[in-house]
Structures are given as C-alpha cells and as structure tokens.
Protein backbone atom coordinates (compact mmCIF):
# COMPACT_ATOMS: atom_id res chain seq x y z
CA UNK A 1 -12.70 -6.74 -23.55
CA UNK A 2 -10.21 -8.41 -21.26
CA UNK A 3 -10.73 -8.98 -17.60
CA UNK A 4 -7.72 -6.81 -16.74
CA UNK A 5 -9.23 -3.89 -18.63
CA UNK A 6 -12.64 -4.27 -17.01
CA UNK A 7 -11.06 -4.63 -13.58
CA UNK A 8 -8.98 -1.49 -14.10
CA UNK A 9 -12.02 0.39 -15.38
CA UNK A 10 -14.01 -0.68 -12.34
CA UNK A 11 -11.22 0.51 -10.05
CA UNK A 12 -11.21 3.88 -11.79
CA UNK A 13 -15.00 4.12 -11.58
CA UNK A 14 -15.02 3.14 -7.90
CA UNK A 15 -12.37 5.76 -7.15
CA UNK A 16 -14.30 8.34 -9.13
CA UNK A 17 -17.55 7.56 -7.32
CA UNK A 18 -15.87 7.70 -3.91
CA UNK A 19 -14.17 10.97 -4.81
CA UNK A 20 -17.37 12.50 -6.10
CA UNK A 21 -19.17 11.58 -2.88
CA UNK A 22 -16.43 13.31 -0.88
CA UNK A 23 -16.72 16.37 -3.10
CA UNK A 24 -20.50 16.42 -2.63
CA UNK A 25 -20.31 15.98 1.12
CA UNK A 26 -17.33 18.22 1.90
CA UNK A 27 -16.39 20.56 -0.91
CA UNK A 28 -19.84 21.71 -2.04
CA UNK A 29 -20.74 22.99 1.46
CA UNK A 30 -17.31 24.63 1.65
CA UNK A 31 -17.99 26.26 -1.73
CA UNK A 32 -21.29 27.57 -0.41
CA UNK A 33 -19.54 28.95 2.67
CA UNK A 34 -16.76 30.45 0.56
CA UNK A 35 -19.32 32.29 -1.60
CA UNK A 36 -20.94 33.77 1.50
CA UNK A 37 -20.11 37.35 0.49
CA UNK A 38 -21.46 36.86 -3.04
CA UNK A 39 -24.98 37.93 -3.99
CA UNK A 40 -27.53 35.20 -3.24
CA UNK A 41 -28.80 35.39 -6.83
CA UNK A 42 -25.42 34.05 -7.95
CA UNK A 43 -24.37 32.04 -4.90
CA UNK A 44 -27.15 29.46 -4.76
CA UNK A 45 -27.42 28.81 -8.52
CA UNK A 46 -23.65 28.22 -8.63
CA UNK A 47 -23.79 25.80 -5.70
CA UNK A 48 -26.82 24.01 -7.19
CA UNK A 49 -25.17 23.74 -10.63
CA UNK A 50 -21.98 22.32 -9.11
CA UNK A 51 -24.00 19.82 -7.04
CA UNK A 52 -26.11 18.74 -10.01
CA UNK A 53 -23.00 18.51 -12.19
CA UNK A 54 -21.52 16.04 -9.75
CA UNK A 55 -24.78 14.06 -9.81
CA UNK A 56 -24.60 13.82 -13.61
CA UNK A 57 -21.06 12.48 -13.37
CA UNK A 58 -22.15 9.90 -10.80
CA UNK A 59 -25.06 8.77 -12.97
CA UNK A 60 -22.73 8.40 -15.95
CA UNK A 61 -20.22 6.37 -13.91
CA UNK A 62 -22.94 4.02 -12.63
CA UNK A 63 -24.21 3.49 -16.19
CA UNK A 64 -20.69 2.71 -17.43
CA UNK A 65 -20.18 0.33 -14.51
CA UNK A 66 -23.36 -1.56 -15.41
CA UNK A 67 -22.43 -1.63 -19.10
CA UNK A 68 -19.02 -3.06 -18.22
CA UNK A 69 -20.78 -5.72 -16.18
CA UNK A 70 -22.94 -6.55 -19.19
CA UNK A 71 -19.84 -6.78 -21.38
CA UNK A 72 -18.26 -9.17 -18.91
CA UNK A 73 -21.39 -11.35 -18.90
CA UNK A 74 -21.68 -11.11 -22.70
CA UNK A 75 -25.17 -9.59 -22.43
CA UNK A 76 -24.35 -6.14 -23.78
CA UNK A 77 -26.10 -6.86 -27.09
CA UNK A 78 -29.54 -6.70 -25.50
CA UNK A 79 -32.36 -4.21 -24.99
CA UNK A 80 -31.28 -3.57 -21.41
CA UNK A 81 -28.05 -2.00 -22.69
CA UNK A 82 -30.01 0.57 -24.69
CA UNK A 83 -31.73 1.84 -21.55
CA UNK A 84 -28.37 2.33 -19.85
CA UNK A 85 -26.92 4.10 -22.89
CA UNK A 86 -29.97 6.35 -23.06
CA UNK A 87 -29.50 7.33 -19.41
CA UNK A 88 -25.81 7.92 -20.08
CA UNK A 89 -26.63 10.21 -23.01
CA UNK A 90 -29.14 12.08 -20.85
CA UNK A 91 -26.58 12.56 -18.07
CA UNK A 92 -23.98 13.90 -20.50
CA UNK A 93 -26.51 16.23 -22.14
CA UNK A 94 -27.57 17.48 -18.70
CA UNK A 95 -23.92 18.17 -17.86
CA UNK A 96 -23.62 20.22 -21.05
CA UNK A 97 -26.69 22.26 -20.14
CA UNK A 98 -25.33 22.79 -16.62
CA UNK A 99 -22.00 24.06 -17.96
CA UNK A 100 -23.81 26.52 -20.20
CA UNK A 101 -26.09 27.55 -17.31
CA UNK A 102 -23.07 28.20 -15.10
CA UNK A 103 -21.71 30.52 -17.77
CA UNK A 104 -25.05 32.35 -17.96
CA UNK A 105 -25.19 32.74 -14.17
CA UNK A 106 -21.64 34.07 -13.98
CA UNK A 107 -21.81 36.32 -17.07
CA UNK A 108 -23.46 39.44 -15.59
CA UNK A 109 -21.29 41.81 -13.61
CA UNK A 110 -17.57 42.28 -13.47
CA UNK A 111 -16.70 39.67 -10.84
CA UNK A 112 -15.89 36.96 -13.38
CA UNK A 113 -13.60 37.51 -16.35
CA UNK A 114 -15.27 37.21 -19.76
CA UNK A 115 -12.72 34.56 -20.70
CA UNK A 116 -13.99 32.29 -17.93
CA UNK A 117 -17.55 32.64 -19.20
CA UNK A 118 -16.32 31.88 -22.73
CA UNK A 119 -14.47 28.80 -21.44
CA UNK A 120 -17.66 27.57 -19.75
CA UNK A 121 -19.54 28.03 -23.03
CA UNK A 122 -16.86 26.09 -24.88
CA UNK A 123 -16.97 23.37 -22.23
CA UNK A 124 -20.73 23.10 -22.63
CA UNK A 125 -20.40 22.70 -26.40
CA UNK A 126 -17.61 20.14 -25.96
CA UNK A 127 -19.68 18.08 -23.51
CA UNK A 128 -22.64 18.26 -25.89
CA UNK A 129 -20.32 16.84 -28.56
CA UNK A 130 -19.52 13.93 -26.26
CA UNK A 131 -23.26 13.28 -25.86
CA UNK A 132 -23.63 13.22 -29.65
CA UNK A 133 -20.68 10.84 -29.95
CA UNK A 134 -22.28 8.45 -27.47
CA UNK A 135 -25.51 8.75 -29.47
CA UNK A 136 -23.59 7.57 -32.56
CA UNK A 137 -22.12 4.72 -30.49
CA UNK A 138 -25.68 3.78 -29.51
CA UNK A 139 -26.60 3.49 -33.18
CA UNK A 140 -23.60 1.19 -33.67
CA UNK A 141 -24.75 -0.91 -30.71
CA UNK A 142 -28.19 -1.19 -32.32
CA UNK A 143 -26.65 -2.38 -35.59
CA UNK A 144 -24.43 -4.90 -33.81
CA UNK A 145 -27.38 -6.19 -31.81
CA UNK A 146 -29.44 -6.67 -34.98
CA UNK A 147 -26.55 -8.47 -36.69
CA UNK A 148 -26.05 -10.74 -33.70
CA UNK A 149 -29.76 -11.57 -33.64
CA UNK A 150 -29.64 -12.45 -37.36
CA UNK A 151 -26.57 -14.63 -36.83
CA UNK A 152 -28.20 -16.45 -33.96
CA UNK A 153 -31.27 -17.08 -36.15
CA UNK A 154 -29.07 -18.55 -38.90
CA UNK A 155 -27.13 -20.74 -36.52
C-alpha cells in the first residue's frame, strides 16, 4: 500500500473520529432533548443505542488506524494484527446488533412507520454481512501470515 493511500486513509479516519466525537458531545444530548416528549421506555434506549453505535464506529476506526500503521511498518503479518482484526469484527457485529435493537425498540406503536423498522432490520443484516466479510479477510490474513513464515524459514 502506498504512502499516499495510507496518508489519505489516515486523514479520513482522523476526520471521522473528530466528527464522531462532536456527534457524541453535541448531537446525542440534543437528540435526548428532542425526544423529551417521547415515552421514557423508548427515549433512553434510543439515545443509548445511538451513543453505543457511535462507540462501535470509533473502535472500528481506531483498529483500522492501527492496522494501517502495521501495514506501513510491514508488521501486519503478525499475531498482533489478529487481535486488532478480532476487535474490529466484534465492533462491526455489535453495530449490527444495535441496528436490530433499534428496530425492536421502535417497532411497537404507531409513531414510527413500519418501513423504517424494516430498513433498520435490513441495515442490521447488511452490517452483519460486513462482519462476516471481515471474518473471511481474517482467514486470508492467517493464510498469508503462515505462507510468509514458511518463506522466511526457507530463506
């Protein structure tokens, strides 16, 4: 991976992290205030799910940042990379569960259209598919790491 690509990716990740911190600090409290007239049984789970969803995105961005650093240092084919990929998979899976949970919280009643609940369910399934894709990429990383170890033993 070229240095231009990694630099651009780091800029995107830094912007995403800064933006997510602003959303957590400013928009989540505003969301809670905006839902003031909504039943507390819906209001607080929605705010908590949104907050935790942002945390999962932040965890994923930090893991990608560290993996990019490992790529730049040519240490990505190591056991330390597997730990980061495992955390990344966990964060994506948690985001999928949170999307599904948001749909479950919003489903009862007539305040939210059924199409919105269906979209949240579809989003949860789509995000779960991303987690499975990263799991496949982890298996490829394991194969590449084993091949590199064998090559180093031969050389």
